Amino acid sequence: MDFTKEFFNLLLDFGEEWVITNIESNHKDLEVYLDIKYVSDRYEDPETHEEAKLYDHTKTRIWRHLDILHYKSYIRGQIPRVLCSDGKVKQISKGWSGMHDRHTYHFEIKVIDLLHVSKNQTKTASFFNCSFRLVNKIMHRSSERGMGRRRLSKYPFEHISIDEKSFHKGHNYITVLSHPRSGAVIDVCENRDSESVNQLIGNTFTQQQRESMNTVSMDMWKAYIKACKSNFPNAEIVHDKFHLIAYLNKCIDQVRRREVKSYEELKDSRYALLKNEENLTEKQKVKFELIKNANYEVSKVWSIRENFKSLFEFYNEENEAKSLLIKWSVDAIENGITEVNKVVKMFLNHSKGIINALMTNINNAMAERLNGKIQEIKVVAKGYRTFKNFRSAILFFHGGLDLYPLKW
């Protein structure tokens, strides 16, 4: 064998059974074709691995491989078919490509790697000078492969998070089930109704896992609470701190919008009131100081929110946590602000979950970070038209899955 063929055989690393017999280059189209041949005299059933007899060869087929310098590289050859003990004629397992694929595992691995870096299927397809459809297919299959390899039933679960994420414009949501300890998405379902969430939980956890669950963090969405109570009989519901504060932030903005009609100085104050003080710009700090100690209702709501935040600064016993929540509620209601009263009433109706949050300091911080990461891949892709595509992308990037094809 000449040096060039020997060199490319080393690069390919398809095993001793496959050798390059010819190299053909097309300088006009910047393409190179590597003709390969199966040279072993041993054949086996691809399913049972029993020894089998050679039957014939397939027609010549072509597989996309990794580029060689700036040339698109293709593998070209005929695959042996064998007569198996069950009387069926089957194509042998190649080891370097899937049975029905038209690309090699090496190519697939590099597509997966670049997708993780770019988070963009279109740019990845452009880089490899291949179709978007192929990249999309690889992403789907990698996610399915990773989910198939994951054996959740073997692992104990003590705490999980349930959160929602907008899918399309309007009231279209998905439900994200995540594991705070690992920081990974467990799975995703379309919609956020009880039926969808029940099915998601039922498909994910064993009965033993559901019975041994200790805590589930979530917002106050009724469907999530209902699904949690029916599926996790021994788990405590913990209402997430960040969602609770979000209700108070909304309250601040509602009052500000109402009062700005009467007080000119409240204009352009939204972010000065909603941001944490340490994150304010110099201009926002000036605006904030003018409003903070004034006698506006929005200033009072801001103080109510800050007092609520302070409840989470220490771990509390149940009775102490309950007393703190009641005291905060009484102080908040004494201000006589309609928007605040509605939020306080809602909090008291869900007091058990809030008290659990004060006792455990468990929250959806990780789930919120995941939510932001999911939003990032959604923005980069300029949205997803189908739930199937969106789910695959979420699990591909944030499922903590083993995505790569088997190596030979």
Protein backbone atom coordinates (compact mmCIF):
# COMPACT_ATOMS: atom_id res chain seq x y z
CA MET A 1 0.00 0.00 0.00
CA ASP A 2 1.40 3.45 -0.88
CA PHE A 3 2.11 6.10 1.74
CA THR A 4 -1.01 8.19 1.01
CA LYS A 5 -3.42 5.28 1.52
CA GLU A 6 -1.57 4.14 4.61
CA PHE A 7 -1.69 7.67 6.01
CA PHE A 8 -5.45 7.95 5.44
CA ASN A 9 -6.03 4.51 6.94
CA LEU A 10 -4.39 5.76 10.12
CA LEU A 11 -6.54 8.91 10.07
CA LEU A 12 -9.76 7.00 9.52
CA ASP A 13 -9.15 4.44 12.25
CA PHE A 14 -12.06 2.28 11.07
CA GLY A 15 -10.34 -0.86 12.31
CA GLU A 16 -8.25 -3.53 10.62
CA GLU A 17 -11.30 -4.91 8.79
CA TRP A 18 -11.65 -1.78 6.62
CA VAL A 19 -8.92 -0.44 4.32
CA ILE A 20 -8.76 2.35 1.77
CA THR A 21 -8.41 1.03 -1.77
CA ASN A 22 -8.53 4.31 -3.70
CA ILE A 23 -8.54 8.07 -3.20
CA GLU A 24 -10.32 10.32 -5.68
CA SER A 25 -10.25 14.11 -5.45
CA ASN A 26 -12.44 16.68 -7.16
CA HIS A 27 -10.53 19.97 -7.05
CA LYS A 28 -13.28 21.91 -8.77
CA ASP A 29 -15.90 21.12 -6.12
CA LEU A 30 -13.32 20.74 -3.33
CA GLU A 31 -14.32 17.17 -2.56
CA VAL A 32 -12.40 14.00 -1.81
CA TYR A 33 -13.73 10.42 -1.94
CA LEU A 34 -12.11 7.61 0.01
CA ASP A 35 -13.01 4.18 -1.35
CA ILE A 36 -13.01 1.54 1.38
CA LYS A 37 -13.31 -2.24 1.44
CA TYR A 38 -14.08 -4.84 4.11
CA VAL A 39 -11.07 -7.20 4.03
CA SER A 40 -11.71 -9.58 6.94
CA ASP A 41 -12.76 -13.15 6.21
CA ARG A 42 -14.91 -13.25 9.36
CA TYR A 43 -18.57 -12.22 9.23
CA GLU A 44 -21.22 -12.14 11.94
CA ASP A 45 -24.92 -11.50 12.51
CA PRO A 46 -25.21 -7.78 13.42
CA GLU A 47 -27.90 -8.57 16.01
CA THR A 48 -26.73 -11.78 17.71
CA HIS A 49 -23.01 -11.54 16.82
CA GLU A 50 -23.08 -15.20 15.80
CA GLU A 51 -20.80 -16.24 12.96
CA ALA A 52 -22.48 -15.94 9.55
CA LYS A 53 -21.70 -16.55 5.88
CA LEU A 54 -21.11 -13.86 3.29
CA TYR A 55 -24.14 -13.53 1.02
CA ASP A 56 -23.40 -10.52 -1.22
CA HIS A 57 -22.63 -6.80 -1.08
CA THR A 58 -24.84 -3.72 -1.18
CA LYS A 59 -24.67 -1.25 -4.02
CA THR A 60 -21.96 1.39 -3.67
CA ARG A 61 -22.98 3.95 -1.04
CA ILE A 62 -21.54 7.24 0.16
CA TRP A 63 -21.15 8.60 3.70
CA ARG A 64 -20.20 12.14 4.72
CA HIS A 65 -17.03 12.22 6.80
CA LEU A 66 -14.93 14.90 8.49
CA ASP A 67 -13.47 17.47 6.13
CA ILE A 68 -9.86 16.99 5.07
CA LEU A 69 -8.32 20.46 5.13
CA HIS A 70 -10.85 22.53 3.13
CA TYR A 71 -12.13 19.54 1.13
CA LYS A 72 -15.48 17.92 1.91
CA SER A 73 -14.68 14.30 2.63
CA TYR A 74 -16.77 11.25 1.74
CA ILE A 75 -16.44 7.54 2.42
CA ARG A 76 -17.49 5.35 -0.52
CA GLY A 77 -17.93 1.60 -0.60
CA GLN A 78 -20.05 -1.55 -0.61
CA ILE A 79 -21.20 -3.15 2.63
CA PRO A 80 -21.20 -6.97 2.94
CA ARG A 81 -24.49 -8.72 3.60
CA VAL A 82 -24.56 -12.04 5.43
CA LEU A 83 -26.86 -15.06 5.60
CA CYS A 84 -27.73 -15.55 9.26
CA SER A 85 -28.82 -18.64 11.19
CA ASP A 86 -32.43 -17.40 11.24
CA GLY A 87 -32.45 -17.49 7.43
CA LYS A 88 -32.45 -13.70 7.05
CA VAL A 89 -30.00 -11.71 4.95
CA LYS A 90 -28.63 -8.76 6.90
CA GLN A 91 -26.13 -5.99 6.39
CA ILE A 92 -23.14 -6.32 8.72
CA SER A 93 -22.54 -3.75 11.42
CA LYS A 94 -19.99 -1.26 10.14
CA GLY A 95 -18.87 0.08 13.50
CA TRP A 96 -18.14 3.52 12.07
CA SER A 97 -21.66 4.54 11.00
CA GLY A 98 -25.28 3.80 11.87
CA MET A 99 -27.17 1.21 9.86
CA HIS A 100 -29.25 3.73 7.90
CA ASP A 101 -27.03 6.81 8.19
CA ARG A 102 -25.25 8.57 5.39
CA HIS A 103 -22.61 10.08 7.64
CA THR A 104 -19.91 8.61 9.89
CA TYR A 105 -19.81 8.63 13.67
CA HIS A 106 -16.75 10.91 13.51
CA PHE A 107 -18.83 13.47 11.61
CA GLU A 108 -21.72 13.14 14.07
CA ILE A 109 -19.43 13.67 17.07
CA LYS A 110 -18.05 16.91 15.62
CA VAL A 111 -21.56 18.18 14.83
CA ILE A 112 -22.54 17.52 18.46
CA ASP A 113 -19.42 19.34 19.69
CA LEU A 114 -20.05 22.41 17.54
CA LEU A 115 -23.73 22.51 18.47
CA HIS A 116 -22.73 22.73 22.13
CA VAL A 117 -20.49 25.70 21.33
CA SER A 118 -22.75 27.58 18.92
CA LYS A 119 -26.18 26.50 20.24
CA ASN A 120 -27.28 27.24 16.70
CA GLN A 121 -28.30 24.55 14.21
CA THR A 122 -28.22 26.89 11.20
CA LYS A 123 -24.66 28.08 11.87
CA THR A 124 -23.52 24.52 12.59
CA ALA A 125 -24.96 23.35 9.26
CA SER A 126 -23.27 26.25 7.50
CA PHE A 127 -19.90 25.45 9.10
CA PHE A 128 -20.03 21.83 7.97
CA ASN A 129 -21.51 22.77 4.62
CA CYS A 130 -24.35 20.32 5.15
CA SER A 131 -28.13 20.60 5.39
CA PHE A 132 -29.99 21.98 8.38
CA ARG A 133 -32.09 18.84 8.23
CA LEU A 134 -29.02 16.65 8.91
CA VAL A 135 -27.93 18.73 11.91
CA ASN A 136 -31.50 18.72 13.24
CA LYS A 137 -31.67 14.94 12.81
CA ILE A 138 -28.40 14.49 14.72
CA MET A 139 -29.64 16.69 17.56
CA HIS A 140 -32.93 14.78 17.83
CA ARG A 141 -31.26 11.40 17.73
CA SER A 142 -28.56 12.40 20.21
CA SER A 143 -31.20 13.51 22.70
CA GLU A 144 -33.17 10.30 22.23
CA ARG A 145 -30.00 8.24 22.58
CA GLY A 146 -29.06 10.08 25.77
CA MET A 147 -32.53 9.67 27.25
CA GLY A 148 -32.43 5.96 26.39
CA ARG A 149 -29.10 5.50 28.16
CA ARG A 150 -30.18 7.35 31.28
CA ARG A 151 -31.50 5.01 33.96
CA LEU A 152 -33.40 7.28 36.33
CA SER A 153 -35.07 4.35 38.06
CA LYS A 154 -31.71 3.44 39.64
CA TYR A 155 -31.32 6.78 41.42
CA PRO A 156 -33.05 8.07 44.56
CA PHE A 157 -34.71 11.48 44.32
CA GLU A 158 -35.29 13.60 47.41
CA HIS A 159 -35.97 16.98 45.84
CA ILE A 160 -37.06 18.19 42.40
CA SER A 161 -38.24 21.46 40.86
CA ILE A 162 -41.21 22.08 38.60
CA ASP A 163 -41.26 25.27 36.58
CA GLU A 164 -42.98 26.71 33.53
CA LYS A 165 -41.48 28.27 30.43
CA SER A 166 -43.23 30.16 27.65
CA PHE A 167 -43.17 28.38 24.31
CA HIS A 168 -45.03 30.52 21.78
CA LYS A 169 -46.51 33.98 22.15
CA GLY A 170 -49.69 34.08 24.18
CA HIS A 171 -50.51 31.55 26.87
CA ASN A 172 -48.49 28.67 25.44
CA TYR A 173 -46.27 27.03 28.02
CA ILE A 174 -44.13 23.99 28.61
CA THR A 175 -43.43 22.37 31.99
CA VAL A 176 -39.79 21.78 32.93
CA LEU A 177 -38.95 19.08 35.47
CA SER A 178 -35.43 19.58 36.84
CA HIS A 179 -33.03 18.22 39.44
CA PRO A 180 -31.47 20.97 41.59
CA ARG A 181 -28.54 18.86 42.82
CA SER A 182 -27.23 18.02 39.33
CA GLY A 183 -28.51 21.19 37.65
CA ALA A 184 -29.99 19.14 34.80
CA VAL A 185 -33.37 19.06 33.13
CA ILE A 186 -35.01 15.70 33.83
CA ASP A 187 -37.69 16.06 31.14
CA VAL A 188 -40.14 18.45 29.57
CA CYS A 189 -43.81 18.25 28.64
CA GLU A 190 -46.06 20.42 26.54
CA ASN A 191 -48.63 22.52 28.47
CA ARG A 192 -48.90 23.03 32.21
CA ASP A 193 -52.25 21.43 33.03
CA SER A 194 -52.65 18.66 35.60
CA GLU A 195 -53.07 15.91 33.01
CA SER A 196 -49.84 16.80 31.20
CA VAL A 197 -47.84 17.13 34.42
CA ASN A 198 -49.27 13.85 35.80
CA GLN A 199 -48.19 12.06 32.63
CA LEU A 200 -44.72 13.65 32.78
CA ILE A 201 -44.21 12.56 36.38
CA GLY A 202 -45.66 9.10 35.76
CA ASN A 203 -43.32 8.52 32.80
CA THR A 204 -40.29 9.76 34.73
CA PHE A 205 -40.38 8.30 38.23
CA THR A 206 -41.11 4.87 39.65
CA GLN A 207 -43.74 4.43 42.34
CA GLN A 208 -40.98 3.98 44.92
CA GLN A 209 -39.29 7.21 43.84
CA ARG A 210 -42.57 9.12 44.03
CA GLU A 211 -43.23 7.82 47.54
CA SER A 212 -39.72 8.69 48.75
CA MET A 213 -39.72 12.26 47.41
CA ASN A 214 -39.19 14.74 50.28
CA THR A 215 -39.70 18.17 48.74
CA VAL A 216 -40.89 19.71 45.48
CA SER A 217 -40.25 23.39 44.78
CA MET A 218 -42.64 25.27 42.49
CA ASP A 219 -44.70 28.41 42.14
CA MET A 220 -48.35 28.59 43.20
CA TRP A 221 -49.82 27.29 39.94
CA LYS A 222 -52.83 25.14 40.90
CA ALA A 223 -52.14 22.38 38.36
CA TYR A 224 -48.61 21.88 39.73
CA ILE A 225 -49.87 21.74 43.32
CA LYS A 226 -52.59 19.26 42.39
CA ALA A 227 -50.18 17.03 40.43
CA CYS A 228 -47.65 17.13 43.26
CA LYS A 229 -50.17 16.12 45.92
CA SER A 230 -51.46 13.21 43.84
CA ASN A 231 -48.05 11.90 42.75
CA PHE A 232 -45.81 12.64 45.75
CA PRO A 233 -47.86 11.69 48.81
CA ASN A 234 -44.99 12.19 51.28
CA ALA A 235 -43.42 15.31 49.76
CA GLU A 236 -43.70 18.83 51.11
CA ILE A 237 -44.52 21.58 48.63
CA VAL A 238 -42.08 24.49 48.80
CA HIS A 239 -43.20 27.68 47.10
CA ASP A 240 -40.23 29.22 45.42
CA LYS A 241 -38.83 32.46 46.85
CA PHE A 242 -38.13 33.95 43.44
CA HIS A 243 -41.68 33.43 42.21
CA LEU A 244 -43.06 34.90 45.44
CA ILE A 245 -40.90 38.01 45.09
CA ALA A 246 -41.98 38.23 41.44
CA TYR A 247 -45.58 38.72 42.63
CA LEU A 248 -44.45 41.60 44.82
CA ASN A 249 -42.41 43.07 41.96
CA LYS A 250 -45.53 42.98 39.82
CA CYS A 251 -47.38 44.68 42.67
CA ILE A 252 -44.74 47.45 42.78
CA ASP A 253 -45.11 48.07 39.07
CA GLN A 254 -48.92 48.10 39.23
CA VAL A 255 -48.90 50.72 42.00
CA ARG A 256 -46.21 52.76 40.21
CA ARG A 257 -48.27 52.79 37.01
CA ARG A 258 -51.28 53.99 38.97
CA GLU A 259 -49.40 56.70 40.88
CA VAL A 260 -47.31 57.98 38.00
CA LYS A 261 -50.43 59.71 36.68
CA SER A 262 -50.37 61.93 39.76
CA TYR A 263 -46.65 62.22 40.50
CA GLU A 264 -44.34 63.34 37.72
CA GLU A 265 -41.22 62.22 39.63
CA LEU A 266 -42.27 58.56 39.33
CA LYS A 267 -41.74 58.59 35.57
CA ASP A 268 -38.95 56.30 34.36
CA SER A 269 -38.62 54.78 37.83
CA ARG A 270 -39.58 51.20 37.03
CA TYR A 271 -36.10 49.66 37.06
CA ALA A 272 -34.96 51.86 39.93
CA LEU A 273 -37.63 50.19 42.05
CA LEU A 274 -37.42 46.64 40.73
CA LYS A 275 -33.67 46.13 40.65
CA ASN A 276 -31.59 45.18 43.65
CA GLU A 277 -29.87 48.26 45.06
CA GLU A 278 -26.38 46.98 44.28
CA ASN A 279 -27.29 46.64 40.60
CA LEU A 280 -28.59 50.19 40.08
CA THR A 281 -26.89 52.58 37.68
CA GLU A 282 -25.88 56.01 38.99
CA LYS A 283 -28.92 57.60 37.35
CA GLN A 284 -31.20 54.95 38.82
CA LYS A 285 -29.66 55.44 42.29
CA VAL A 286 -30.59 59.12 42.20
CA LYS A 287 -34.15 58.29 41.18
CA PHE A 288 -34.34 55.53 43.79
CA GLU A 289 -33.22 57.78 46.67
CA LEU A 290 -35.86 60.37 45.75
CA ILE A 291 -38.63 57.75 45.91
CA LYS A 292 -37.43 55.42 48.67
CA ASN A 293 -38.26 57.62 51.67
CA ALA A 294 -41.16 59.53 50.10
CA ASN A 295 -44.77 59.03 51.14
CA TYR A 296 -45.83 57.35 47.91
CA GLU A 297 -47.73 54.09 48.04
CA VAL A 298 -45.16 52.59 45.68
CA SER A 299 -42.46 53.42 48.26
CA LYS A 300 -44.44 51.52 50.87
CA VAL A 301 -44.84 48.53 48.54
CA TRP A 302 -41.08 48.56 47.97
CA SER A 303 -40.54 48.37 51.75
CA ILE A 304 -43.09 45.54 52.00
CA ARG A 305 -41.14 43.59 49.39
CA GLU A 306 -37.83 44.19 51.15
CA ASN A 307 -39.32 43.07 54.47
CA PHE A 308 -40.54 39.89 52.79
CA LYS A 309 -37.07 39.21 51.39
CA SER A 310 -35.60 39.52 54.87
CA LEU A 311 -37.76 36.61 56.08
CA PHE A 312 -35.49 34.27 54.09
CA GLU A 313 -32.24 35.42 55.69
CA PHE A 314 -32.32 32.78 58.42
CA TYR A 315 -33.46 29.19 58.81
CA ASN A 316 -36.54 29.05 61.02
CA GLU A 317 -38.49 26.52 63.04
CA GLU A 318 -42.05 25.96 61.84
CA ASN A 319 -43.74 28.03 64.56
CA GLU A 320 -41.26 30.86 64.14
CA ALA A 321 -41.66 30.83 60.35
CA LYS A 322 -45.44 30.91 60.73
CA SER A 323 -45.24 33.85 63.17
CA LEU A 324 -42.94 35.79 60.84
CA LEU A 325 -45.26 35.29 57.88
CA ILE A 326 -48.33 36.37 59.89
CA LYS A 327 -46.56 39.46 61.25
CA TRP A 328 -45.38 40.44 57.77
CA SER A 329 -48.93 39.94 56.42
CA VAL A 330 -50.51 42.11 59.16
CA ASP A 331 -47.94 44.89 58.64
CA ALA A 332 -48.47 44.76 54.87
CA ILE A 333 -52.28 44.91 55.09
CA GLU A 334 -52.16 47.87 57.51
CA ASN A 335 -50.92 50.04 54.63
CA GLY A 336 -54.34 49.68 53.00
CA ILE A 337 -53.00 49.22 49.45
CA THR A 338 -55.42 47.21 47.28
CA GLU A 339 -52.78 45.56 45.11
CA VAL A 340 -50.81 44.49 48.19
CA ASN A 341 -53.88 43.09 49.92
CA LYS A 342 -54.54 40.77 46.96
CA VAL A 343 -51.00 39.40 47.08
CA VAL A 344 -51.09 38.95 50.86
CA LYS A 345 -54.37 37.05 50.60
CA MET A 346 -52.86 34.76 47.96
CA PHE A 347 -49.77 34.17 50.11
CA LEU A 348 -51.91 33.28 53.15
CA ASN A 349 -53.93 30.83 51.04
CA HIS A 350 -50.64 29.10 50.23
CA SER A 351 -49.03 29.68 53.61
CA LYS A 352 -47.91 26.06 54.11
CA GLY A 353 -45.68 26.13 51.04
CA ILE A 354 -44.26 29.53 52.00
CA ILE A 355 -43.59 28.40 55.58
CA ASN A 356 -41.76 25.37 54.14
CA ALA A 357 -39.64 27.76 52.08
CA LEU A 358 -38.80 29.80 55.18
CA MET A 359 -37.92 26.63 57.10
CA THR A 360 -35.80 24.91 54.46
CA ASN A 361 -34.51 27.83 52.39
CA ILE A 362 -35.05 25.56 49.37
CA ASN A 363 -35.77 27.54 46.24
CA ASN A 364 -35.92 27.36 42.47
CA ALA A 365 -32.72 29.32 41.93
CA MET A 366 -31.24 26.54 39.80
CA ALA A 367 -34.52 26.13 37.92
CA GLU A 368 -34.58 29.87 37.25
CA ARG A 369 -31.02 29.70 35.89
CA LEU A 370 -32.10 26.81 33.67
CA ASN A 371 -35.06 28.91 32.58
CA GLY A 372 -32.64 31.62 31.49
CA LYS A 373 -30.49 29.10 29.62
CA ILE A 374 -33.57 27.70 27.89
CA GLN A 375 -34.52 31.24 26.90
CA GLU A 376 -31.02 31.67 25.45
CA ILE A 377 -31.30 28.67 23.12
CA LYS A 378 -34.80 29.82 22.17
CA VAL A 379 -33.54 33.30 21.24
CA VAL A 380 -30.51 31.96 19.35
CA ALA A 381 -32.79 29.68 17.31
CA LYS A 382 -35.30 32.53 16.84
CA GLY A 383 -37.96 30.31 18.36
CA TYR A 384 -39.08 26.73 17.76
CA ARG A 385 -42.11 25.93 15.65
CA THR A 386 -42.80 22.54 17.22
CA PHE A 387 -42.65 21.27 20.79
CA LYS A 388 -40.69 18.22 19.59
CA ASN A 389 -37.85 20.45 18.35
CA PHE A 390 -37.92 22.58 21.49
CA ARG A 391 -37.83 19.54 23.80
CA SER A 392 -34.93 17.97 21.91
CA ALA A 393 -32.95 21.21 22.12
CA ILE A 394 -33.59 21.59 25.86
CA LEU A 395 -32.55 18.02 26.61
CA PHE A 396 -29.58 18.20 24.21
CA PHE A 397 -28.10 21.30 25.84
CA HIS A 398 -29.27 20.98 29.44
CA GLY A 399 -30.27 17.36 30.07
CA GLY A 400 -26.82 16.25 31.24
CA LEU A 401 -27.08 13.39 28.74
CA ASP A 402 -24.50 11.06 27.17
CA LEU A 403 -25.11 12.22 23.59
CA TYR A 404 -22.29 10.63 21.63
CA PRO A 405 -22.66 7.56 19.41
CA LEU A 406 -20.92 4.39 20.51
CA LYS A 407 -17.23 4.32 19.74
CA TRP A 408 -15.58 1.35 18.13
